[in-house]
Amino acid sequence: MSRLQRITSDPAVCHGQPTVRGLRYPVENLLELLSSGMTIDEVLEDYPDLERDDLLAALEFGALAAGGGRVVPLGAA
């Protein structure tokens, strides 16, 4: 089950960087938090407007991008 529909890109939000649900949370920043050792629950506690599926979508996006696959975010939600 893909969660990539949660990843959007809008030139008016974060300079067009891929974000979660059009919110001002760039995928890159969420991946940095998780790679620093924060758990999903810790990130959700610090950012209550995010959902577990948002973080899983960011991980899926990052995995596809790292694998050399071309990932194109959908337009703004």
PDB file of N, CA and C in Angstrom:
ATOM      1  N   MET A   1       0.836  -1.174   0.000  1.00  0.00           N
ATOM      2  CA  MET A   1       0.000   0.000   0.000  1.00  0.00           C
ATOM      3  C   MET A   1       0.885   1.242   0.000  1.00  0.00           C
ATOM      4  N   SER A   2       0.826   1.981  -1.057  1.00  0.00           N
ATOM      5  CA  SER A   2       1.644   3.185  -1.164  1.00  0.00           C
ATOM      6  C   SER A   2       0.986   4.349  -0.435  1.00  0.00           C
ATOM      7  N   ARG A   3       1.793   5.139   0.190  1.00  0.00           N
ATOM      8  CA  ARG A   3       1.323   6.352   0.868  1.00  0.00           C
ATOM      9  C   ARG A   3       1.828   7.603   0.158  1.00  0.00           C
ATOM     10  N   LEU A   4       2.371   7.433  -1.033  1.00  0.00           N
ATOM     11  CA  LEU A   4       2.993   8.555  -1.735  1.00  0.00           C
ATOM     12  C   LEU A   4       2.025   9.687  -2.075  1.00  0.00           C
ATOM     13  N   GLN A   5       0.722   9.424  -2.073  1.00  0.00           N
ATOM     14  CA  GLN A   5      -0.233  10.500  -2.346  1.00  0.00           C
ATOM     15  C   GLN A   5      -0.183  11.578  -1.266  1.00  0.00           C
ATOM     16  N   ARG A   6       0.422  11.271  -0.133  1.00  0.00           N
ATOM     17  CA  ARG A   6       0.576  12.253   0.946  1.00  0.00           C
ATOM     18  C   ARG A   6       1.719  13.236   0.678  1.00  0.00           C
ATOM     19  N   ILE A   7       2.580  12.909  -0.273  1.00  0.00           N
ATOM     20  CA  ILE A   7       3.716  13.771  -0.590  1.00  0.00           C
ATOM     21  C   ILE A   7       3.318  14.693  -1.735  1.00  0.00           C
ATOM     22  N   THR A   8       3.460  15.988  -1.490  1.00  0.00           N
ATOM     23  CA  THR A   8       3.072  16.980  -2.492  1.00  0.00           C
ATOM     24  C   THR A   8       4.220  17.951  -2.730  1.00  0.00           C
ATOM     25  N   SER A   9       4.100  18.670  -3.825  1.00  0.00           N
ATOM     26  CA  SER A   9       5.069  19.707  -4.146  1.00  0.00           C
ATOM     27  C   SER A   9       4.309  20.897  -4.711  1.00  0.00           C
ATOM     28  N   ASP A  10       4.515  22.046  -4.104  1.00  0.00           N
ATOM     29  CA  ASP A  10       3.829  23.266  -4.511  1.00  0.00           C
ATOM     30  C   ASP A  10       4.845  24.398  -4.442  1.00  0.00           C
ATOM     31  N   PRO A  11       5.057  25.122  -5.542  1.00  0.00           N
ATOM     32  CA  PRO A  11       6.044  26.214  -5.529  1.00  0.00           C
ATOM     33  C   PRO A  11       5.785  27.253  -4.426  1.00  0.00           C
ATOM     34  N   ALA A  12       4.552  27.362  -3.971  1.00  0.00           N
ATOM     35  CA  ALA A  12       4.211  28.339  -2.938  1.00  0.00           C
ATOM     36  C   ALA A  12       4.464  27.818  -1.520  1.00  0.00           C
ATOM     37  N   VAL A  13       4.814  26.544  -1.400  1.00  0.00           N
ATOM     38  CA  VAL A  13       5.058  25.946  -0.078  1.00  0.00           C
ATOM     39  C   VAL A  13       6.485  25.409  -0.046  1.00  0.00           C
ATOM     40  N   CYS A  14       7.290  25.965   0.842  1.00  0.00           N
ATOM     41  CA  CYS A  14       8.677  25.519   1.029  1.00  0.00           C
ATOM     42  C   CYS A  14       9.457  25.483  -0.285  1.00  0.00           C
ATOM     43  N   HIS A  15       9.247  26.489  -1.121  1.00  0.00           N
ATOM     44  CA  HIS A  15       9.988  26.632  -2.381  1.00  0.00           C
ATOM     45  C   HIS A  15       9.868  25.408  -3.284  1.00  0.00           C
ATOM     46  N   GLY A  16       8.737  24.714  -3.202  1.00  0.00           N
ATOM     47  CA  GLY A  16       8.507  23.576  -4.076  1.00  0.00           C
ATOM     48  C   GLY A  16       9.126  22.268  -3.617  1.00  0.00           C
ATOM     49  N   GLN A  17       9.774  22.262  -2.459  1.00  0.00           N
ATOM     50  CA  GLN A  17      10.331  21.003  -1.936  1.00  0.00           C
ATOM     51  C   GLN A  17       9.191  20.026  -1.668  1.00  0.00           C
ATOM     52  N   PRO A  18       9.445  18.734  -1.800  1.00  0.00           N
ATOM     53  CA  PRO A  18       8.418  17.760  -1.444  1.00  0.00           C
ATOM     54  C   PRO A  18       8.071  17.896   0.046  1.00  0.00           C
ATOM     55  N   THR A  19       6.788  18.024   0.322  1.00  0.00           N
ATOM     56  CA  THR A  19       6.306  18.158   1.697  1.00  0.00           C
ATOM     57  C   THR A  19       5.210  17.131   1.945  1.00  0.00           C
ATOM     58  N   VAL A  20       4.799  17.037   3.194  1.00  0.00           N
ATOM     59  CA  VAL A  20       3.732  16.118   3.584  1.00  0.00           C
ATOM     60  C   VAL A  20       2.408  16.875   3.579  1.00  0.00           C
ATOM     61  N   ARG A  21       1.473  16.395   2.770  1.00  0.00           N
ATOM     62  CA  ARG A  21       0.104  16.931   2.697  1.00  0.00           C
ATOM     63  C   ARG A  21       0.043  18.447   2.514  1.00  0.00           C
ATOM     64  N   GLY A  22       1.018  19.019   1.870  1.00  0.00           N
ATOM     65  CA  GLY A  22       1.005  20.456   1.644  1.00  0.00           C
ATOM     66  C   GLY A  22       1.330  21.284   2.882  1.00  0.00           C
ATOM     67  N   LEU A  23       1.634  20.603   3.980  1.00  0.00           N
ATOM     68  CA  LEU A  23       2.035  21.307   5.196  1.00  0.00           C
ATOM     69  C   LEU A  23       3.484  21.753   5.041  1.00  0.00           C
ATOM     70  N   ARG A  24       3.937  22.562   5.897  1.00  0.00           N
ATOM     71  CA  ARG A  24       5.312  23.069   5.802  1.00  0.00           C
ATOM     72  C   ARG A  24       6.301  22.147   6.511  1.00  0.00           C
ATOM     73  N   TYR A  25       6.208  20.874   6.190  1.00  0.00           N
ATOM     74  CA  TYR A  25       7.123  19.867   6.702  1.00  0.00           C
ATOM     75  C   TYR A  25       7.798  19.188   5.519  1.00  0.00           C
ATOM     76  N   PRO A  26       8.964  19.692   5.103  1.00  0.00           N
ATOM     77  CA  PRO A  26       9.663  19.039   3.991  1.00  0.00           C
ATOM     78  C   PRO A  26      10.032  17.596   4.339  1.00  0.00           C
ATOM     79  N   VAL A  27       9.887  16.729   3.358  1.00  0.00           N
ATOM     80  CA  VAL A  27      10.247  15.327   3.522  1.00  0.00           C
ATOM     81  C   VAL A  27      11.685  15.213   4.030  1.00  0.00           C
ATOM     82  N   GLU A  28      12.571  16.012   3.482  1.00  0.00           N
ATOM     83  CA  GLU A  28      13.982  15.968   3.880  1.00  0.00           C
ATOM     84  C   GLU A  28      14.143  16.170   5.388  1.00  0.00           C
ATOM     85  N   ASN A  29      13.426  17.132   5.951  1.00  0.00           N
ATOM     86  CA  ASN A  29      13.543  17.399   7.387  1.00  0.00           C
ATOM     87  C   ASN A  29      13.008  16.242   8.225  1.00  0.00           C
ATOM     88  N   LEU A  30      11.923  15.647   7.782  1.00  0.00           N
ATOM     89  CA  LEU A  30      11.374  14.509   8.523  1.00  0.00           C
ATOM     90  C   LEU A  30      12.327  13.325   8.486  1.00  0.00           C
ATOM     91  N   LEU A  31      12.949  13.100   7.328  1.00  0.00           N
ATOM     92  CA  LEU A  31      13.925  12.008   7.228  1.00  0.00           C
ATOM     93  C   LEU A  31      15.138  12.277   8.111  1.00  0.00           C
ATOM     94  N   GLU A  32      15.544  13.536   8.218  1.00  0.00           N
ATOM     95  CA  GLU A  32      16.667  13.887   9.096  1.00  0.00           C
ATOM     96  C   GLU A  32      16.325  13.594  10.558  1.00  0.00           C
ATOM     97  N   LEU A  33      15.095  13.911  10.963  1.00  0.00           N
ATOM     98  CA  LEU A  33      14.690  13.628  12.340  1.00  0.00           C
ATOM     99  C   LEU A  33      14.741  12.128  12.616  1.00  0.00           C
ATOM    100  N   LEU A  34      14.199  11.347  11.699  1.00  0.00           N
ATOM    101  CA  LEU A  34      14.184   9.899  11.889  1.00  0.00           C
ATOM    102  C   LEU A  34      15.589   9.314  11.840  1.00  0.00           C
ATOM    103  N   SER A  35      16.431   9.831  10.956  1.00  0.00           N
ATOM    104  CA  SER A  35      17.796   9.294  10.852  1.00  0.00           C
ATOM    105  C   SER A  35      18.665   9.712  12.035  1.00  0.00           C
ATOM    106  N   SER A  36      18.251  10.753  12.749  1.00  0.00           N
ATOM    107  CA  SER A  36      19.012  11.173  13.926  1.00  0.00           C
ATOM    108  C   SER A  36      18.739  10.272  15.125  1.00  0.00           C
ATOM    109  N   GLY A  37      17.759   9.387  14.977  1.00  0.00           N
ATOM    110  CA  GLY A  37      17.466   8.459  16.061  1.00  0.00           C
ATOM    111  C   GLY A  37      16.111   8.658  16.709  1.00  0.00           C
ATOM    112  N   MET A  38      15.391   9.706  16.311  1.00  0.00           N
ATOM    113  CA  MET A  38      14.047   9.897  16.864  1.00  0.00           C
ATOM    114  C   MET A  38      13.141   8.775  16.361  1.00  0.00           C
ATOM    115  N   THR A  39      12.266   8.325  17.213  1.00  0.00           N
ATOM    116  CA  THR A  39      11.291   7.324  16.796  1.00  0.00           C
ATOM    117  C   THR A  39      10.103   8.035  16.150  1.00  0.00           C
ATOM    118  N   ILE A  40       9.288   7.265  15.466  1.00  0.00           N
ATOM    119  CA  ILE A  40       8.078   7.840  14.871  1.00  0.00           C
ATOM    120  C   ILE A  40       7.216   8.455  15.961  1.00  0.00           C
ATOM    121  N   ASP A  41       7.080   7.777  17.082  1.00  0.00           N
ATOM    122  CA  ASP A  41       6.258   8.302  18.181  1.00  0.00           C
ATOM    123  C   ASP A  41       6.815   9.615  18.731  1.00  0.00           C
ATOM    124  N   GLU A  42       8.124   9.729  18.812  1.00  0.00           N
ATOM    125  CA  GLU A  42       8.728  10.979  19.297  1.00  0.00           C
ATOM    126  C   GLU A  42       8.473  12.122  18.327  1.00  0.00           C
ATOM    127  N   VAL A  43       8.575  11.866  17.039  1.00  0.00           N
ATOM    128  CA  VAL A  43       8.309  12.913  16.042  1.00  0.00           C
ATOM    129  C   VAL A  43       6.842  13.328  16.132  1.00  0.00           C
ATOM    130  N   LEU A  44       5.954  12.360  16.236  1.00  0.00           N
ATOM    131  CA  LEU A  44       4.527  12.674  16.328  1.00  0.00           C
ATOM    132  C   LEU A  44       4.201  13.464  17.590  1.00  0.00           C
ATOM    133  N   GLU A  45       4.919  13.182  18.657  1.00  0.00           N
ATOM    134  CA  GLU A  45       4.709  13.933  19.903  1.00  0.00           C
ATOM    135  C   GLU A  45       5.142  15.391  19.735  1.00  0.00           C
ATOM    136  N   ASP A  46       6.251  15.603  19.023  1.00  0.00           N
ATOM    137  CA  ASP A  46       6.758  16.962  18.812  1.00  0.00           C
ATOM    138  C   ASP A  46       5.973  17.735  17.749  1.00  0.00           C
ATOM    139  N   TYR A  47       5.351  17.021  16.816  1.00  0.00           N
ATOM    140  CA  TYR A  47       4.624  17.648  15.711  1.00  0.00           C
ATOM    141  C   TYR A  47       3.228  17.040  15.635  1.00  0.00           C
ATOM    142  N   PRO A  48       2.311  17.500  16.491  1.00  0.00           N
ATOM    143  CA  PRO A  48       0.996  16.854  16.617  1.00  0.00           C
ATOM    144  C   PRO A  48       0.120  16.919  15.369  1.00  0.00           C
ATOM    145  N   ASP A  49       0.400  17.804  14.425  1.00  0.00           N
ATOM    146  CA  ASP A  49      -0.423  17.840  13.216  1.00  0.00           C
ATOM    147  C   ASP A  49       0.014  16.812  12.174  1.00  0.00           C
ATOM    148  N   LEU A  50       1.090  16.079  12.464  1.00  0.00           N
ATOM    149  CA  LEU A  50       1.509  14.984  11.589  1.00  0.00           C
ATOM    150  C   LEU A  50       0.850  13.687  12.027  1.00  0.00           C
ATOM    151  N   GLU A  51       0.723  12.763  11.071  1.00  0.00           N
ATOM    152  CA  GLU A  51       0.164  11.449  11.334  1.00  0.00           C
ATOM    153  C   GLU A  51       1.212  10.385  11.019  1.00  0.00           C
ATOM    154  N   ARG A  52       1.041   9.223  11.601  1.00  0.00           N
ATOM    155  CA  ARG A  52       1.970   8.114  11.381  1.00  0.00           C
ATOM    156  C   ARG A  52       2.145   7.851   9.886  1.00  0.00           C
ATOM    157  N   ASP A  53       1.071   7.857   9.129  1.00  0.00           N
ATOM    158  CA  ASP A  53       1.161   7.610   7.691  1.00  0.00           C
ATOM    159  C   ASP A  53       1.969   8.693   6.965  1.00  0.00           C
ATOM    160  N   ASP A  54       2.009   9.906   7.509  1.00  0.00           N
ATOM    161  CA  ASP A  54       2.847  10.963   6.917  1.00  0.00           C
ATOM    162  C   ASP A  54       4.319  10.579   6.989  1.00  0.00           C
ATOM    163  N   LEU A  55       4.733  10.075   8.134  1.00  0.00           N
ATOM    164  CA  LEU A  55       6.134   9.685   8.300  1.00  0.00           C
ATOM    165  C   LEU A  55       6.467   8.446   7.476  1.00  0.00           C
ATOM    166  N   LEU A  56       5.535   7.526   7.398  1.00  0.00           N
ATOM    167  CA  LEU A  56       5.759   6.352   6.554  1.00  0.00           C
ATOM    168  C   LEU A  56       5.831   6.754   5.083  1.00  0.00           C
ATOM    169  N   ALA A  57       5.054   7.750   4.687  1.00  0.00           N
ATOM    170  CA  ALA A  57       5.123   8.257   3.316  1.00  0.00           C
ATOM    171  C   ALA A  57       6.484   8.895   3.054  1.00  0.00           C
ATOM    172  N   ALA A  58       6.996   9.639   4.021  1.00  0.00           N
ATOM    173  CA  ALA A  58       8.314  10.255   3.871  1.00  0.00           C
ATOM    174  C   ALA A  58       9.393   9.183   3.728  1.00  0.00           C
ATOM    175  N   LEU A  59       9.293   8.121   4.514  1.00  0.00           N
ATOM    176  CA  LEU A  59      10.255   7.021   4.408  1.00  0.00           C
ATOM    177  C   LEU A  59      10.153   6.334   3.046  1.00  0.00           C
ATOM    178  N   GLU A  60       8.946   6.123   2.570  1.00  0.00           N
ATOM    179  CA  GLU A  60       8.758   5.502   1.259  1.00  0.00           C
ATOM    180  C   GLU A  60       9.343   6.381   0.160  1.00  0.00           C
ATOM    181  N   PHE A  61       9.089   7.676   0.241  1.00  0.00           N
ATOM    182  CA  PHE A  61       9.623   8.632  -0.731  1.00  0.00           C
ATOM    183  C   PHE A  61      11.150   8.599  -0.720  1.00  0.00           C
ATOM    184  N   GLY A  62      11.720   8.619   0.473  1.00  0.00           N
ATOM    185  CA  GLY A  62      13.174   8.587   0.604  1.00  0.00           C
ATOM    186  C   GLY A  62      13.771   7.301   0.069  1.00  0.00           C
ATOM    187  N   ALA A  63      13.112   6.179   0.319  1.00  0.00           N
ATOM    188  CA  ALA A  63      13.606   4.896  -0.171  1.00  0.00           C
ATOM    189  C   ALA A  63      13.595   4.852  -1.694  1.00  0.00           C
ATOM    190  N   LEU A  64      12.534   5.350  -2.287  1.00  0.00           N
ATOM    191  CA  LEU A  64      12.460   5.369  -3.752  1.00  0.00           C
ATOM    192  C   LEU A  64      13.515   6.298  -4.346  1.00  0.00           C
ATOM    193  N   ALA A  65      13.675   7.456  -3.730  1.00  0.00           N
ATOM    194  CA  ALA A  65      14.663   8.418  -4.234  1.00  0.00           C
ATOM    195  C   ALA A  65      16.080   7.863  -4.108  1.00  0.00           C
ATOM    196  N   ALA A  66      16.367   7.196  -3.004  1.00  0.00           N
ATOM    197  CA  ALA A  66      17.709   6.639  -2.788  1.00  0.00           C
ATOM    198  C   ALA A  66      17.990   5.478  -3.716  1.00  0.00           C
ATOM    199  N   GLY A  67      16.946   4.789  -4.133  1.00  0.00           N
ATOM    200  CA  GLY A  67      17.114   3.647  -5.014  1.00  0.00           C
ATOM    201  C   GLY A  67      17.315   4.030  -6.468  1.00  0.00           C
ATOM    202  N   GLY A  68      17.392   5.304  -6.737  1.00  0.00           N
ATOM    203  CA  GLY A  68      17.614   5.760  -8.103  1.00  0.00           C
ATOM    204  C   GLY A  68      16.330   5.897  -8.902  1.00  0.00           C
ATOM    205  N   GLY A  69      15.211   5.558  -8.280  1.00  0.00           N
ATOM    206  CA  GLY A  69      13.941   5.739  -8.968  1.00  0.00           C
ATOM    207  C   GLY A  69      13.571   7.201  -9.032  1.00  0.00           C
ATOM    208  N   ARG A  70      12.932   7.585 -10.099  1.00  0.00           N
ATOM    209  CA  ARG A  70      12.503   8.985 -10.220  1.00  0.00           C
ATOM    210  C   ARG A  70      11.191   9.128  -9.476  1.00  0.00           C
ATOM    211  N   VAL A  71      11.161  10.046  -8.536  1.00  0.00           N
ATOM    212  CA  VAL A  71       9.970  10.270  -7.721  1.00  0.00           C
ATOM    213  C   VAL A  71       9.458  11.669  -8.018  1.00  0.00           C
ATOM    214  N   VAL A  72       8.209  11.745  -8.472  1.00  0.00           N
ATOM    215  CA  VAL A  72       7.606  13.030  -8.780  1.00  0.00           C
ATOM    216  C   VAL A  72       6.433  13.225  -7.847  1.00  0.00           C
ATOM    217  N   PRO A  73       6.509  14.187  -6.915  1.00  0.00           N
ATOM    218  CA  PRO A  73       5.406  14.426  -5.996  1.00  0.00           C
ATOM    219  C   PRO A  73       4.189  14.941  -6.755  1.00  0.00           C
ATOM    220  N   LEU A  74       3.020  14.624  -6.215  1.00  0.00           N
ATOM    221  CA  LEU A  74       1.781  15.129  -6.781  1.00  0.00           C
ATOM    222  C   LEU A  74       1.671  16.615  -6.499  1.00  0.00           C
ATOM    223  N   GLY A  75       0.761  17.282  -7.157  1.00  0.00           N
ATOM    224  CA  GLY A  75       0.530  18.707  -6.912  1.00  0.00           C
ATOM    225  C   GLY A  75       0.023  18.937  -5.508  1.00  0.00           C
ATOM    226  N   ALA A  76      -0.194  20.184  -5.183  1.00  0.00           N
ATOM    227  CA  ALA A  76      -0.641  20.556  -3.836  1.00  0.00           C
ATOM    228  C   ALA A  76      -1.954  19.867  -3.502  1.00  0.00           C
ATOM    229  N   ALA A  77      -2.071  19.448  -2.245  1.00  0.00           N
ATOM    230  CA  ALA A  77      -3.285  18.746  -1.808  1.00  0.00           C
ATOM    231  C   ALA A  77      -4.411  19.712  -1.610  1.00  0.00           C
TER     232      ALA A  77
END
